[in-house]
Amino acid sequence: MKNLKVGVRLGFGFGAVLLLIAMTVLRLIRLQEGAVVTDRKININYKNQHLAAK
């Protein structure tokens, strides 16, 4: 790493930061999708149990 020019090292650092940001955004999207699916399943099961109890 010491033999690389400053611009190349900055480029690697910038690329690493962009990669981390992209990974974070994708993870947040996936968590949101999981929350929606979980909420949907809970509400459907609750409604079905409520209807079955009547």
Protein backbone atom coordinates (compact mmCIF):
# COMPACT_ATOMS: atom_id res chain seq x y z
CA MET A 1 0.00 0.00 0.00
CA LYS A 2 2.91 2.38 0.61
CA ASN A 3 3.95 2.21 -3.04
CA LEU A 4 0.60 3.49 -4.28
CA LYS A 5 0.07 7.15 -5.06
CA VAL A 6 -2.16 9.27 -2.85
CA GLY A 7 -4.88 9.49 -5.52
CA VAL A 8 -5.08 5.72 -5.83
CA ARG A 9 -5.32 5.28 -2.06
CA LEU A 10 -8.03 7.93 -1.88
CA GLY A 11 -9.86 6.15 -4.69
CA PHE A 12 -9.75 2.86 -2.79
CA GLY A 13 -11.04 4.55 0.36
CA PHE A 14 -13.82 6.30 -1.53
CA GLY A 15 -14.78 3.03 -3.21
CA ALA A 16 -14.88 1.26 0.15
CA VAL A 17 -17.14 3.95 1.62
CA LEU A 18 -19.47 3.76 -1.39
CA LEU A 19 -19.60 -0.02 -1.04
CA LEU A 20 -20.53 0.24 2.63
CA ILE A 21 -23.24 2.79 1.87
CA ALA A 22 -24.67 0.59 -0.88
CA MET A 23 -24.67 -2.44 1.41
CA THR A 24 -26.42 -0.45 4.14
CA VAL A 25 -29.11 0.82 1.78
CA LEU A 26 -29.75 -2.67 0.43
CA ARG A 27 -29.96 -4.10 3.95
CA LEU A 28 -32.46 -1.42 5.00
CA ILE A 29 -34.60 -2.18 1.95
CA ARG A 30 -34.55 -5.89 2.74
CA LEU A 31 -35.45 -5.25 6.39
CA GLN A 32 -38.39 -3.11 5.32
CA GLU A 33 -39.63 -5.83 2.96
CA GLY A 34 -39.35 -8.37 5.77
CA ALA A 35 -41.32 -6.13 8.10
CA VAL A 36 -44.10 -5.76 5.54
CA VAL A 37 -44.30 -9.52 4.97
CA THR A 38 -44.31 -10.22 8.71
CA ASP A 39 -47.01 -7.64 9.34
CA ARG A 40 -49.14 -9.07 6.54
CA LYS A 41 -48.79 -12.62 7.88
CA ILE A 42 -49.63 -11.56 11.43
CA ASN A 43 -52.72 -9.63 10.35
CA ILE A 44 -54.00 -12.43 8.11
CA ASN A 45 -53.48 -15.06 10.82
CA TYR A 46 -55.14 -12.85 13.42
CA LYS A 47 -58.15 -12.24 11.17
CA ASN A 48 -58.45 -15.97 10.39
CA GLN A 49 -58.31 -16.87 14.09
CA HIS A 50 -60.84 -14.19 14.91
CA LEU A 51 -63.22 -15.46 12.21
CA ALA A 52 -62.75 -19.08 13.30
CA ALA A 53 -63.58 -18.19 16.90
CA LYS A 54 -67.00 -16.80 15.96
